[in-house]
Amino acid sequence: MEEEKKTFYINLGSQEISQIKEGNNDAFTIQATEEEMFRLRQVLNEVFNADERSFWRSHVPYRHYSKDEDNDEYDYEMRHAYQMIYDLGDEKTKAFIEEIGMKQDEEPDEIYDEKNPLE
């Protein structure tokens, strides 16, 4: 028996995931199972962790952004989050992600792979 999908509202800026549409938490609308939601939450947690590491790195003046693993990891995790949201998103969500150029060309298995290629 297939698990029922529910509607969730996503705000990437605040990393909020909610079943209740309130305020500005509806930047993206998705349909997801509880398991898919759990996986998305894990990815958003990785985005947060990578963002925090890149924040501390930004205080080191001699390390250039383009040669920084913390920033590369943040970029990777954000692309991963956008791809998951795209895959689960409604038509409006998909259209927006395509418009801003964040839809990935890789197959979902490549995007969701547990191994981070930056490691």
PDB file of N, CA and C in Angstrom:
ATOM      1  N   MET A   1       0.840  -1.184   0.000  1.00  0.00           N
ATOM      2  CA  MET A   1       0.000   0.000   0.000  1.00  0.00           C
ATOM      3  C   MET A   1       0.888   1.252   0.000  1.00  0.00           C
ATOM      4  N   GLU A   2       0.584   2.137  -0.903  1.00  0.00           N
ATOM      5  CA  GLU A   2       1.376   3.354  -1.046  1.00  0.00           C
ATOM      6  C   GLU A   2       0.977   4.385   0.012  1.00  0.00           C
ATOM      7  N   GLU A   3       1.988   5.007   0.595  1.00  0.00           N
ATOM      8  CA  GLU A   3       1.752   6.016   1.622  1.00  0.00           C
ATOM      9  C   GLU A   3       1.101   7.253   1.006  1.00  0.00           C
ATOM     10  N   GLU A   4       0.163   7.831   1.733  1.00  0.00           N
ATOM     11  CA  GLU A   4      -0.566   9.008   1.255  1.00  0.00           C
ATOM     12  C   GLU A   4       0.335  10.239   1.238  1.00  0.00           C
ATOM     13  N   LYS A   5       0.213  10.999   0.158  1.00  0.00           N
ATOM     14  CA  LYS A   5       0.961  12.258   0.055  1.00  0.00           C
ATOM     15  C   LYS A   5       0.112  13.383   0.629  1.00  0.00           C
ATOM     16  N   LYS A   6       0.780  14.303   1.283  1.00  0.00           N
ATOM     17  CA  LYS A   6       0.121  15.459   1.883  1.00  0.00           C
ATOM     18  C   LYS A   6       0.726  16.722   1.296  1.00  0.00           C
ATOM     19  N   THR A   7       0.003  17.822   1.417  1.00  0.00           N
ATOM     20  CA  THR A   7       0.499  19.110   0.946  1.00  0.00           C
ATOM     21  C   THR A   7       1.347  19.754   2.031  1.00  0.00           C
ATOM     22  N   PHE A   8       2.514  20.234   1.616  1.00  0.00           N
ATOM     23  CA  PHE A   8       3.407  20.952   2.518  1.00  0.00           C
ATOM     24  C   PHE A   8       3.811  22.263   1.864  1.00  0.00           C
ATOM     25  N   TYR A   9       4.046  23.260   2.693  1.00  0.00           N
ATOM     26  CA  TYR A   9       4.489  24.578   2.235  1.00  0.00           C
ATOM     27  C   TYR A   9       5.920  24.777   2.720  1.00  0.00           C
ATOM     28  N   ILE A  10       6.774  25.219   1.812  1.00  0.00           N
ATOM     29  CA  ILE A  10       8.202  25.318   2.099  1.00  0.00           C
ATOM     30  C   ILE A  10       8.670  26.758   1.944  1.00  0.00           C
ATOM     31  N   ASN A  11       9.438  27.232   2.919  1.00  0.00           N
ATOM     32  CA  ASN A  11      10.140  28.507   2.816  1.00  0.00           C
ATOM     33  C   ASN A  11      11.620  28.192   3.001  1.00  0.00           C
ATOM     34  N   LEU A  12      12.389  28.270   1.925  1.00  0.00           N
ATOM     35  CA  LEU A  12      13.813  27.934   2.016  1.00  0.00           C
ATOM     36  C   LEU A  12      14.595  28.920   2.868  1.00  0.00           C
ATOM     37  N   GLY A  13      14.210  30.184   2.845  1.00  0.00           N
ATOM     38  CA  GLY A  13      14.921  31.194   3.623  1.00  0.00           C
ATOM     39  C   GLY A  13      14.927  30.882   5.105  1.00  0.00           C
ATOM     40  N   SER A  14      13.782  30.496   5.625  1.00  0.00           N
ATOM     41  CA  SER A  14      13.675  30.154   7.043  1.00  0.00           C
ATOM     42  C   SER A  14      13.777  28.650   7.274  1.00  0.00           C
ATOM     43  N   GLN A  15      13.847  27.887   6.195  1.00  0.00           N
ATOM     44  CA  GLN A  15      13.879  26.424   6.218  1.00  0.00           C
ATOM     45  C   GLN A  15      12.648  25.844   6.904  1.00  0.00           C
ATOM     46  N   GLU A  16      11.546  26.542   6.751  1.00  0.00           N
ATOM     47  CA  GLU A  16      10.289  26.110   7.353  1.00  0.00           C
ATOM     48  C   GLU A  16       9.571  25.135   6.434  1.00  0.00           C
ATOM     49  N   ILE A  17       9.049  24.072   7.030  1.00  0.00           N
ATOM     50  CA  ILE A  17       8.187  23.113   6.351  1.00  0.00           C
ATOM     51  C   ILE A  17       6.915  23.044   7.179  1.00  0.00           C
ATOM     52  N   SER A  18       5.772  23.299   6.547  1.00  0.00           N
ATOM     53  CA  SER A  18       4.521  23.339   7.292  1.00  0.00           C
ATOM     54  C   SER A  18       3.378  22.766   6.466  1.00  0.00           C
ATOM     55  N   GLN A  19       2.409  22.176   7.141  1.00  0.00           N
ATOM     56  CA  GLN A  19       1.186  21.741   6.478  1.00  0.00           C
ATOM     57  C   GLN A  19       0.144  22.855   6.503  1.00  0.00           C
ATOM     58  N   ILE A  20       0.441  23.916   7.210  1.00  0.00           N
ATOM     59  CA  ILE A  20      -0.485  25.043   7.325  1.00  0.00           C
ATOM     60  C   ILE A  20       0.101  26.229   6.575  1.00  0.00           C
ATOM     61  N   LYS A  21      -0.674  26.754   5.640  1.00  0.00           N
ATOM     62  CA  LYS A  21      -0.241  27.925   4.881  1.00  0.00           C
ATOM     63  C   LYS A  21      -0.465  29.157   5.744  1.00  0.00           C
ATOM     64  N   GLU A  22       0.650  29.826   6.094  1.00  0.00           N
ATOM     65  CA  GLU A  22       0.555  30.975   6.995  1.00  0.00           C
ATOM     66  C   GLU A  22       1.672  31.960   6.685  1.00  0.00           C
ATOM     67  N   GLY A  23       1.344  33.222   6.632  1.00  0.00           N
ATOM     68  CA  GLY A  23       2.352  34.245   6.375  1.00  0.00           C
ATOM     69  C   GLY A  23       3.007  34.033   5.025  1.00  0.00           C
ATOM     70  N   ASN A  24       4.330  34.002   5.022  1.00  0.00           N
ATOM     71  CA  ASN A  24       5.064  33.828   3.767  1.00  0.00           C
ATOM     72  C   ASN A  24       5.743  32.465   3.686  1.00  0.00           C
ATOM     73  N   ASN A  25       5.133  31.452   4.273  1.00  0.00           N
ATOM     74  CA  ASN A  25       5.755  30.133   4.277  1.00  0.00           C
ATOM     75  C   ASN A  25       5.442  29.314   3.026  1.00  0.00           C
ATOM     76  N   ASP A  26       4.806  29.925   2.034  1.00  0.00           N
ATOM     77  CA  ASP A  26       4.368  29.154   0.871  1.00  0.00           C
ATOM     78  C   ASP A  26       5.147  29.486  -0.398  1.00  0.00           C
ATOM     79  N   ALA A  27       6.424  29.764  -0.264  1.00  0.00           N
ATOM     80  CA  ALA A  27       7.238  30.033  -1.454  1.00  0.00           C
ATOM     81  C   ALA A  27       7.183  28.843  -2.400  1.00  0.00           C
ATOM     82  N   PHE A  28       7.154  27.636  -1.839  1.00  0.00           N
ATOM     83  CA  PHE A  28       7.040  26.413  -2.626  1.00  0.00           C
ATOM     84  C   PHE A  28       5.948  25.539  -2.026  1.00  0.00           C
ATOM     85  N   THR A  29       5.183  24.898  -2.890  1.00  0.00           N
ATOM     86  CA  THR A  29       4.146  23.962  -2.461  1.00  0.00           C
ATOM     87  C   THR A  29       4.500  22.599  -3.029  1.00  0.00           C
ATOM     88  N   ILE A  30       4.513  21.591  -2.159  1.00  0.00           N
ATOM     89  CA  ILE A  30       4.863  20.241  -2.600  1.00  0.00           C
ATOM     90  C   ILE A  30       3.832  19.231  -2.100  1.00  0.00           C
ATOM     91  N   GLN A  31       3.841  18.068  -2.712  1.00  0.00           N
ATOM     92  CA  GLN A  31       3.072  16.910  -2.268  1.00  0.00           C
ATOM     93  C   GLN A  31       4.087  15.844  -1.890  1.00  0.00           C
ATOM     94  N   ALA A  32       4.064  15.390  -0.630  1.00  0.00           N
ATOM     95  CA  ALA A  32       5.086  14.446  -0.179  1.00  0.00           C
ATOM     96  C   ALA A  32       4.531  13.484   0.856  1.00  0.00           C
ATOM     97  N   THR A  33       5.149  12.303   0.905  1.00  0.00           N
ATOM     98  CA  THR A  33       4.859  11.350   1.970  1.00  0.00           C
ATOM     99  C   THR A  33       5.654  11.776   3.205  1.00  0.00           C
ATOM    100  N   GLU A  34       5.380  11.129   4.316  1.00  0.00           N
ATOM    101  CA  GLU A  34       6.138  11.427   5.539  1.00  0.00           C
ATOM    102  C   GLU A  34       7.625  11.110   5.337  1.00  0.00           C
ATOM    103  N   GLU A  35       7.919  10.019   4.639  1.00  0.00           N
ATOM    104  CA  GLU A  35       9.315   9.650   4.392  1.00  0.00           C
ATOM    105  C   GLU A  35      10.018  10.693   3.521  1.00  0.00           C
ATOM    106  N   GLU A  36       9.349  11.156   2.471  1.00  0.00           N
ATOM    107  CA  GLU A  36       9.931  12.193   1.616  1.00  0.00           C
ATOM    108  C   GLU A  36      10.151  13.484   2.394  1.00  0.00           C
ATOM    109  N   MET A  37       9.214  13.791   3.285  1.00  0.00           N
ATOM    110  CA  MET A  37       9.346  14.993   4.113  1.00  0.00           C
ATOM    111  C   MET A  37      10.545  14.874   5.042  1.00  0.00           C
ATOM    112  N   PHE A  38      10.729  13.681   5.611  1.00  0.00           N
ATOM    113  CA  PHE A  38      11.869  13.435   6.491  1.00  0.00           C
ATOM    114  C   PHE A  38      13.171  13.623   5.717  1.00  0.00           C
ATOM    115  N   ARG A  39      13.245  13.099   4.493  1.00  0.00           N
ATOM    116  CA  ARG A  39      14.445  13.248   3.668  1.00  0.00           C
ATOM    117  C   ARG A  39      14.694  14.716   3.334  1.00  0.00           C
ATOM    118  N   LEU A  40      13.635  15.459   3.014  1.00  0.00           N
ATOM    119  CA  LEU A  40      13.797  16.882   2.721  1.00  0.00           C
ATOM    120  C   LEU A  40      14.285  17.627   3.958  1.00  0.00           C
ATOM    121  N   ARG A  41      13.757  17.291   5.118  1.00  0.00           N
ATOM    122  CA  ARG A  41      14.202  17.928   6.365  1.00  0.00           C
ATOM    123  C   ARG A  41      15.688  17.659   6.588  1.00  0.00           C
ATOM    124  N   GLN A  42      16.140  16.448   6.310  1.00  0.00           N
ATOM    125  CA  GLN A  42      17.562  16.130   6.453  1.00  0.00           C
ATOM    126  C   GLN A  42      18.408  17.001   5.527  1.00  0.00           C
ATOM    127  N   VAL A  43      17.952  17.170   4.295  1.00  0.00           N
ATOM    128  CA  VAL A  43      18.693  17.997   3.337  1.00  0.00           C
ATOM    129  C   VAL A  43      18.724  19.446   3.809  1.00  0.00           C
ATOM    130  N   LEU A  44      17.595  19.957   4.296  1.00  0.00           N
ATOM    131  CA  LEU A  44      17.563  21.339   4.789  1.00  0.00           C
ATOM    132  C   LEU A  44      18.470  21.508   6.006  1.00  0.00           C
ATOM    133  N   ASN A  45      18.566  20.483   6.836  1.00  0.00           N
ATOM    134  CA  ASN A  45      19.504  20.535   7.963  1.00  0.00           C
ATOM    135  C   ASN A  45      20.941  20.608   7.461  1.00  0.00           C
ATOM    136  N   GLU A  46      21.246  19.875   6.394  1.00  0.00           N
ATOM    137  CA  GLU A  46      22.582  19.936   5.805  1.00  0.00           C
ATOM    138  C   GLU A  46      22.853  21.314   5.206  1.00  0.00           C
ATOM    139  N   VAL A  47      21.832  21.925   4.595  1.00  0.00           N
ATOM    140  CA  VAL A  47      21.975  23.293   4.074  1.00  0.00           C
ATOM    141  C   VAL A  47      22.331  24.230   5.221  1.00  0.00           C
ATOM    142  N   PHE A  48      21.613  24.111   6.327  1.00  0.00           N
ATOM    143  CA  PHE A  48      21.867  24.958   7.492  1.00  0.00           C
ATOM    144  C   PHE A  48      23.297  24.766   8.002  1.00  0.00           C
ATOM    145  N   ASN A  49      23.709  23.507   8.145  1.00  0.00           N
ATOM    146  CA  ASN A  49      25.060  23.224   8.650  1.00  0.00           C
ATOM    147  C   ASN A  49      26.132  23.774   7.714  1.00  0.00           C
ATOM    148  N   ALA A  50      25.941  23.578   6.418  1.00  0.00           N
ATOM    149  CA  ALA A  50      26.914  24.087   5.446  1.00  0.00           C
ATOM    150  C   ALA A  50      26.945  25.611   5.454  1.00  0.00           C
ATOM    151  N   ASP A  51      25.780  26.228   5.615  1.00  0.00           N
ATOM    152  CA  ASP A  51      25.705  27.687   5.674  1.00  0.00           C
ATOM    153  C   ASP A  51      26.460  28.211   6.889  1.00  0.00           C
ATOM    154  N   GLU A  52      26.286  27.539   8.000  1.00  0.00           N
ATOM    155  CA  GLU A  52      26.980  27.958   9.218  1.00  0.00           C
ATOM    156  C   GLU A  52      28.499  27.832   9.058  1.00  0.00           C
ATOM    157  N   ARG A  53      28.962  26.746   8.458  1.00  0.00           N
ATOM    158  CA  ARG A  53      30.402  26.575   8.240  1.00  0.00           C
ATOM    159  C   ARG A  53      30.938  27.645   7.289  1.00  0.00           C
ATOM    160  N   SER A  54      30.176  27.960   6.249  1.00  0.00           N
ATOM    161  CA  SER A  54      30.653  28.977   5.303  1.00  0.00           C
ATOM    162  C   SER A  54      30.648  30.363   5.950  1.00  0.00           C
ATOM    163  N   PHE A  55      29.747  30.586   6.908  1.00  0.00           N
ATOM    164  CA  PHE A  55      29.744  31.849   7.650  1.00  0.00           C
ATOM    165  C   PHE A  55      31.069  32.022   8.393  1.00  0.00           C
ATOM    166  N   TRP A  56      31.496  30.984   9.097  1.00  0.00           N
ATOM    167  CA  TRP A  56      32.747  31.083   9.850  1.00  0.00           C
ATOM    168  C   TRP A  56      33.933  31.211   8.907  1.00  0.00           C
ATOM    169  N   ARG A  57      33.869  30.549   7.773  1.00  0.00           N
ATOM    170  CA  ARG A  57      34.942  30.656   6.785  1.00  0.00           C
ATOM    171  C   ARG A  57      35.045  32.070   6.247  1.00  0.00           C
ATOM    172  N   SER A  58      33.936  32.757   6.142  1.00  0.00           N
ATOM    173  CA  SER A  58      33.946  34.112   5.576  1.00  0.00           C
ATOM    174  C   SER A  58      34.771  35.090   6.412  1.00  0.00           C
ATOM    175  N   HIS A  59      35.086  34.711   7.635  1.00  0.00           N
ATOM    176  CA  HIS A  59      35.892  35.571   8.501  1.00  0.00           C
ATOM    177  C   HIS A  59      37.392  35.343   8.324  1.00  0.00           C
ATOM    178  N   VAL A  60      37.742  34.471   7.398  1.00  0.00           N
ATOM    179  CA  VAL A  60      39.153  34.215   7.090  1.00  0.00           C
ATOM    180  C   VAL A  60      39.450  34.940   5.786  1.00  0.00           C
ATOM    181  N   PRO A  61      40.112  36.091   5.848  1.00  0.00           N
ATOM    182  CA  PRO A  61      40.246  36.954   4.673  1.00  0.00           C
ATOM    183  C   PRO A  61      41.109  36.397   3.544  1.00  0.00           C
ATOM    184  N   TYR A  62      41.984  35.471   3.813  1.00  0.00           N
ATOM    185  CA  TYR A  62      42.890  35.002   2.769  1.00  0.00           C
ATOM    186  C   TYR A  62      42.362  33.788   1.997  1.00  0.00           C
ATOM    187  N   ARG A  63      41.177  33.284   2.331  1.00  0.00           N
ATOM    188  CA  ARG A  63      40.599  32.161   1.585  1.00  0.00           C
ATOM    189  C   ARG A  63      39.570  32.691   0.600  1.00  0.00           C
ATOM    190  N   HIS A  64      39.813  32.481  -0.657  1.00  0.00           N
ATOM    191  CA  HIS A  64      38.918  32.960  -1.707  1.00  0.00           C
ATOM    192  C   HIS A  64      37.702  32.041  -1.821  1.00  0.00           C
ATOM    193  N   TYR A  65      36.541  32.648  -2.073  1.00  0.00           N
ATOM    194  CA  TYR A  65      35.283  31.908  -2.179  1.00  0.00           C
ATOM    195  C   TYR A  65      35.369  30.759  -3.178  1.00  0.00           C
ATOM    196  N   SER A  66      35.982  31.002  -4.309  1.00  0.00           N
ATOM    197  CA  SER A  66      35.996  29.989  -5.364  1.00  0.00           C
ATOM    198  C   SER A  66      36.868  28.777  -5.035  1.00  0.00           C
ATOM    199  N   LYS A  67      37.676  28.884  -4.004  1.00  0.00           N
ATOM    200  CA  LYS A  67      38.534  27.768  -3.610  1.00  0.00           C
ATOM    201  C   LYS A  67      38.194  27.310  -2.195  1.00  0.00           C
ATOM    202  N   ASP A  68      36.922  27.348  -1.877  1.00  0.00           N
ATOM    203  CA  ASP A  68      36.504  27.053  -0.519  1.00  0.00           C
ATOM    204  C   ASP A  68      35.533  25.873  -0.489  1.00  0.00           C
ATOM    205  N   GLU A  69      35.916  24.803   0.190  1.00  0.00           N
ATOM    206  CA  GLU A  69      35.091  23.604   0.265  1.00  0.00           C
ATOM    207  C   GLU A  69      33.776  23.849   1.001  1.00  0.00           C
ATOM    208  N   ASP A  70      33.781  24.695   2.018  1.00  0.00           N
ATOM    209  CA  ASP A  70      32.546  24.968   2.757  1.00  0.00           C
ATOM    210  C   ASP A  70      31.509  25.619   1.853  1.00  0.00           C
ATOM    211  N   ASN A  71      31.931  26.557   1.032  1.00  0.00           N
ATOM    212  CA  ASN A  71      30.996  27.187   0.101  1.00  0.00           C
ATOM    213  C   ASN A  71      30.546  26.214  -0.979  1.00  0.00           C
ATOM    214  N   ASP A  72      31.444  25.355  -1.434  1.00  0.00           N
ATOM    215  CA  ASP A  72      31.069  24.335  -2.417  1.00  0.00           C
ATOM    216  C   ASP A  72      30.022  23.397  -1.836  1.00  0.00           C
ATOM    217  N   GLU A  73      30.206  23.022  -0.573  1.00  0.00           N
ATOM    218  CA  GLU A  73      29.244  22.140   0.081  1.00  0.00           C
ATOM    219  C   GLU A  73      27.882  22.830   0.221  1.00  0.00           C
ATOM    220  N   TYR A  74      27.887  24.104   0.594  1.00  0.00           N
ATOM    221  CA  TYR A  74      26.629  24.847   0.697  1.00  0.00           C
ATOM    222  C   TYR A  74      25.918  24.876  -0.656  1.00  0.00           C
ATOM    223  N   ASP A  75      26.660  25.174  -1.716  1.00  0.00           N
ATOM    224  CA  ASP A  75      26.065  25.204  -3.057  1.00  0.00           C
ATOM    225  C   ASP A  75      25.488  23.845  -3.430  1.00  0.00           C
ATOM    226  N   TYR A  76      26.220  22.781  -3.141  1.00  0.00           N
ATOM    227  CA  TYR A  76      25.761  21.424  -3.436  1.00  0.00           C
ATOM    228  C   TYR A  76      24.464  21.120  -2.690  1.00  0.00           C
ATOM    229  N   GLU A  77      24.434  21.418  -1.397  1.00  0.00           N
ATOM    230  CA  GLU A  77      23.245  21.116  -0.591  1.00  0.00           C
ATOM    231  C   GLU A  77      22.038  21.946  -1.038  1.00  0.00           C
ATOM    232  N   MET A  78      22.269  23.203  -1.416  1.00  0.00           N
ATOM    233  CA  MET A  78      21.157  24.021  -1.922  1.00  0.00           C
ATOM    234  C   MET A  78      20.610  23.454  -3.226  1.00  0.00           C
ATOM    235  N   ARG A  79      21.483  23.034  -4.124  1.00  0.00           N
ATOM    236  CA  ARG A  79      21.016  22.417  -5.372  1.00  0.00           C
ATOM    237  C   ARG A  79      20.239  21.143  -5.077  1.00  0.00           C
ATOM    238  N   HIS A  80      20.718  20.376  -4.116  1.00  0.00           N
ATOM    239  CA  HIS A  80      20.040  19.155  -3.697  1.00  0.00           C
ATOM    240  C   HIS A  80      18.633  19.487  -3.182  1.00  0.00           C
ATOM    241  N   ALA A  81      18.520  20.501  -2.338  1.00  0.00           N
ATOM    242  CA  ALA A  81      17.215  20.911  -1.802  1.00  0.00           C
ATOM    243  C   ALA A  81      16.285  21.370  -2.919  1.00  0.00           C
ATOM    244  N   TYR A  82      16.784  22.206  -3.816  1.00  0.00           N
ATOM    245  CA  TYR A  82      15.952  22.670  -4.927  1.00  0.00           C
ATOM    246  C   TYR A  82      15.482  21.505  -5.790  1.00  0.00           C
ATOM    247  N   GLN A  83      16.351  20.523  -6.026  1.00  0.00           N
ATOM    248  CA  GLN A  83      15.948  19.392  -6.858  1.00  0.00           C
ATOM    249  C   GLN A  83      14.867  18.568  -6.170  1.00  0.00           C
ATOM    250  N   MET A  84      15.000  18.340  -4.876  1.00  0.00           N
ATOM    251  CA  MET A  84      13.965  17.600  -4.152  1.00  0.00           C
ATOM    252  C   MET A  84      12.643  18.350  -4.193  1.00  0.00           C
ATOM    253  N   ILE A  85      12.692  19.662  -3.970  1.00  0.00           N
ATOM    254  CA  ILE A  85      11.469  20.469  -4.005  1.00  0.00           C
ATOM    255  C   ILE A  85      10.872  20.442  -5.402  1.00  0.00           C
ATOM    256  N   TYR A  86      11.711  20.508  -6.419  1.00  0.00           N
ATOM    257  CA  TYR A  86      11.224  20.426  -7.804  1.00  0.00           C
ATOM    258  C   TYR A  86      10.515  19.089  -8.042  1.00  0.00           C
ATOM    259  N   ASP A  87      11.150  17.997  -7.645  1.00  0.00           N
ATOM    260  CA  ASP A  87      10.583  16.668  -7.877  1.00  0.00           C
ATOM    261  C   ASP A  87       9.241  16.476  -7.180  1.00  0.00           C
ATOM    262  N   LEU A  88       9.062  17.093  -6.026  1.00  0.00           N
ATOM    263  CA  LEU A  88       7.832  16.936  -5.250  1.00  0.00           C
ATOM    264  C   LEU A  88       6.845  18.081  -5.474  1.00  0.00           C
ATOM    265  N   GLY A  89       7.261  19.109  -6.176  1.00  0.00           N
ATOM    266  CA  GLY A  89       6.494  20.347  -6.272  1.00  0.00           C
ATOM    267  C   GLY A  89       5.294  20.313  -7.199  1.00  0.00           C
ATOM    268  N   ASP A  90       4.412  21.289  -6.980  1.00  0.00           N
ATOM    269  CA  ASP A  90       3.282  21.485  -7.888  1.00  0.00           C
ATOM    270  C   ASP A  90       3.791  22.205  -9.139  1.00  0.00           C
ATOM    271  N   GLU A  91       2.903  22.455 -10.080  1.00  0.00           N
ATOM    272  CA  GLU A  91       3.313  23.058 -11.357  1.00  0.00           C
ATOM    273  C   GLU A  91       3.935  24.447 -11.171  1.00  0.00           C
ATOM    274  N   LYS A  92       3.370  25.246 -10.267  1.00  0.00           N
ATOM    275  CA  LYS A  92       3.904  26.587 -10.011  1.00  0.00           C
ATOM    276  C   LYS A  92       5.324  26.506  -9.444  1.00  0.00           C
ATOM    277  N   THR A  93       5.534  25.599  -8.523  1.00  0.00           N
ATOM    278  CA  THR A  93       6.853  25.395  -7.927  1.00  0.00           C
ATOM    279  C   THR A  93       7.861  24.961  -8.982  1.00  0.00           C
ATOM    280  N   LYS A  94       7.473  23.988  -9.802  1.00  0.00           N
ATOM    281  CA  LYS A  94       8.376  23.500 -10.854  1.00  0.00           C
ATOM    282  C   LYS A  94       8.720  24.610 -11.837  1.00  0.00           C
ATOM    283  N   ALA A  95       7.717  25.383 -12.239  1.00  0.00           N
ATOM    284  CA  ALA A  95       7.952  26.467 -13.201  1.00  0.00           C
ATOM    285  C   ALA A  95       8.926  27.495 -12.627  1.00  0.00           C
ATOM    286  N   PHE A  96       8.769  27.838 -11.353  1.00  0.00           N
ATOM    287  CA  PHE A  96       9.658  28.821 -10.735  1.00  0.00           C
ATOM    288  C   PHE A  96      11.091  28.303 -10.660  1.00  0.00           C
ATOM    289  N   ILE A  97      11.258  27.058 -10.249  1.00  0.00           N
ATOM    290  CA  ILE A  97      12.602  26.492 -10.120  1.00  0.00           C
ATOM    291  C   ILE A  97      13.278  26.408 -11.484  1.00  0.00           C
ATOM    292  N   GLU A  98      12.519  26.077 -12.517  1.00  0.00           N
ATOM    293  CA  GLU A  98      13.075  26.082 -13.874  1.00  0.00           C
ATOM    294  C   GLU A  98      13.466  27.502 -14.287  1.00  0.00           C
ATOM    295  N   GLU A  99      12.609  28.467 -13.952  1.00  0.00           N
ATOM    296  CA  GLU A  99      12.849  29.870 -14.323  1.00  0.00           C
ATOM    297  C   GLU A  99      14.135  30.417 -13.713  1.00  0.00           C
ATOM    298  N   ILE A 100      14.412  30.052 -12.474  1.00  0.00           N
ATOM    299  CA  ILE A 100      15.616  30.570 -11.815  1.00  0.00           C
ATOM    300  C   ILE A 100      16.848  29.711 -12.107  1.00  0.00           C
ATOM    301  N   GLY A 101      16.673  28.675 -12.905  1.00  0.00           N
ATOM    302  CA  GLY A 101      17.804  27.859 -13.333  1.00  0.00           C
ATOM    303  C   GLY A 101      18.333  26.896 -12.294  1.00  0.00           C
ATOM    304  N   MET A 102      17.490  26.465 -11.354  1.00  0.00           N
ATOM    305  CA  MET A 102      17.962  25.553 -10.314  1.00  0.00           C
ATOM    306  C   MET A 102      17.548  24.104 -10.542  1.00  0.00           C
ATOM    307  N   LYS A 103      16.858  23.821 -11.641  1.00  0.00           N
ATOM    308  CA  LYS A 103      16.513  22.433 -11.948  1.00  0.00           C
ATOM    309  C   LYS A 103      17.773  21.743 -12.436  1.00  0.00           C
ATOM    310  N   GLN A 104      18.035  20.579 -11.866  1.00  0.00           N
ATOM    311  CA  GLN A 104      19.242  19.829 -12.218  1.00  0.00           C
ATOM    312  C   GLN A 104      18.954  18.890 -13.377  1.00  0.00           C
ATOM    313  N   ASP A 105      19.976  18.610 -14.168  1.00  0.00           N
ATOM    314  CA  ASP A 105      19.838  17.699 -15.293  1.00  0.00           C
ATOM    315  C   ASP A 105      20.026  16.243 -14.893  1.00  0.00           C
ATOM    316  N   GLU A 106      20.588  15.997 -13.726  1.00  0.00           N
ATOM    317  CA  GLU A 106      20.853  14.633 -13.296  1.00  0.00           C
ATOM    318  C   GLU A 106      19.552  13.908 -12.978  1.00  0.00           C
ATOM    319  N   GLU A 107      19.634  12.591 -13.008  1.00  0.00           N
ATOM    320  CA  GLU A 107      18.512  11.757 -12.600  1.00  0.00           C
ATOM    321  C   GLU A 107      18.362  11.863 -11.084  1.00  0.00           C
ATOM    322  N   PRO A 108      17.134  11.660 -10.559  1.00  0.00           N
ATOM    323  CA  PRO A 108      16.935  11.766  -9.106  1.00  0.00           C
ATOM    324  C   PRO A 108      17.876  10.890  -8.289  1.00  0.00           C
ATOM    325  N   ASP A 109      18.199   9.681  -8.772  1.00  0.00           N
ATOM    326  CA  ASP A 109      19.105   8.822  -8.013  1.00  0.00           C
ATOM    327  C   ASP A 109      20.471   9.470  -7.839  1.00  0.00           C
ATOM    328  N   GLU A 110      20.920  10.226  -8.829  1.00  0.00           N
ATOM    329  CA  GLU A 110      22.208  10.900  -8.729  1.00  0.00           C
ATOM    330  C   GLU A 110      22.136  12.053  -7.732  1.00  0.00           C
ATOM    331  N   ILE A 111      21.024  12.762  -7.718  1.00  0.00           N
ATOM    332  CA  ILE A 111      20.850  13.892  -6.809  1.00  0.00           C
ATOM    333  C   ILE A 111      20.705  13.413  -5.368  1.00  0.00           C
ATOM    334  N   TYR A 112      19.945  12.336  -5.137  1.00  0.00           N
ATOM    335  CA  TYR A 112      19.642  11.894  -3.781  1.00  0.00           C
ATOM    336  C   TYR A 112      20.678  10.942  -3.205  1.00  0.00           C
ATOM    337  N   ASP A 113      21.716  10.651  -3.961  1.00  0.00           N
ATOM    338  CA  ASP A 113      22.737   9.729  -3.501  1.00  0.00           C
ATOM    339  C   ASP A 113      23.261  10.183  -2.143  1.00  0.00           C
ATOM    340  N   GLU A 114      23.479   9.224  -1.271  1.00  0.00           N
ATOM    341  CA  GLU A 114      23.933   9.534   0.082  1.00  0.00           C
ATOM    342  C   GLU A 114      25.331  10.144   0.096  1.00  0.00           C
ATOM    343  N   LYS A 115      26.161   9.817  -0.889  1.00  0.00           N
ATOM    344  CA  LYS A 115      27.538  10.285  -0.886  1.00  0.00           C
ATOM    345  C   LYS A 115      27.631  11.686  -1.480  1.00  0.00           C
ATOM    346  N   ASN A 116      28.259  12.571  -0.771  1.00  0.00           N
ATOM    347  CA  ASN A 116      28.502  13.926  -1.244  1.00  0.00           C
ATOM    348  C   ASN A 116      29.737  13.899  -2.136  1.00  0.00           C
ATOM    349  N   PRO A 117      29.625  14.306  -3.404  1.00  0.00           N
ATOM    350  CA  PRO A 117      30.776  14.245  -4.301  1.00  0.00           C
ATOM    351  C   PRO A 117      31.906  15.196  -3.916  1.00  0.00           C
ATOM    352  N   LEU A 118      31.653  16.103  -3.011  1.00  0.00           N
ATOM    353  CA  LEU A 118      32.684  17.053  -2.603  1.00  0.00           C
ATOM    354  C   LEU A 118      33.628  16.478  -1.557  1.00  0.00           C
ATOM    355  N   GLU A 119      33.269  15.339  -1.014  1.00  0.00           N
ATOM    356  CA  GLU A 119      34.105  14.746   0.040  1.00  0.00           C
ATOM    357  C   GLU A 119      35.229  13.944  -0.557  1.00  0.00           C
TER     358      GLU A 119
END
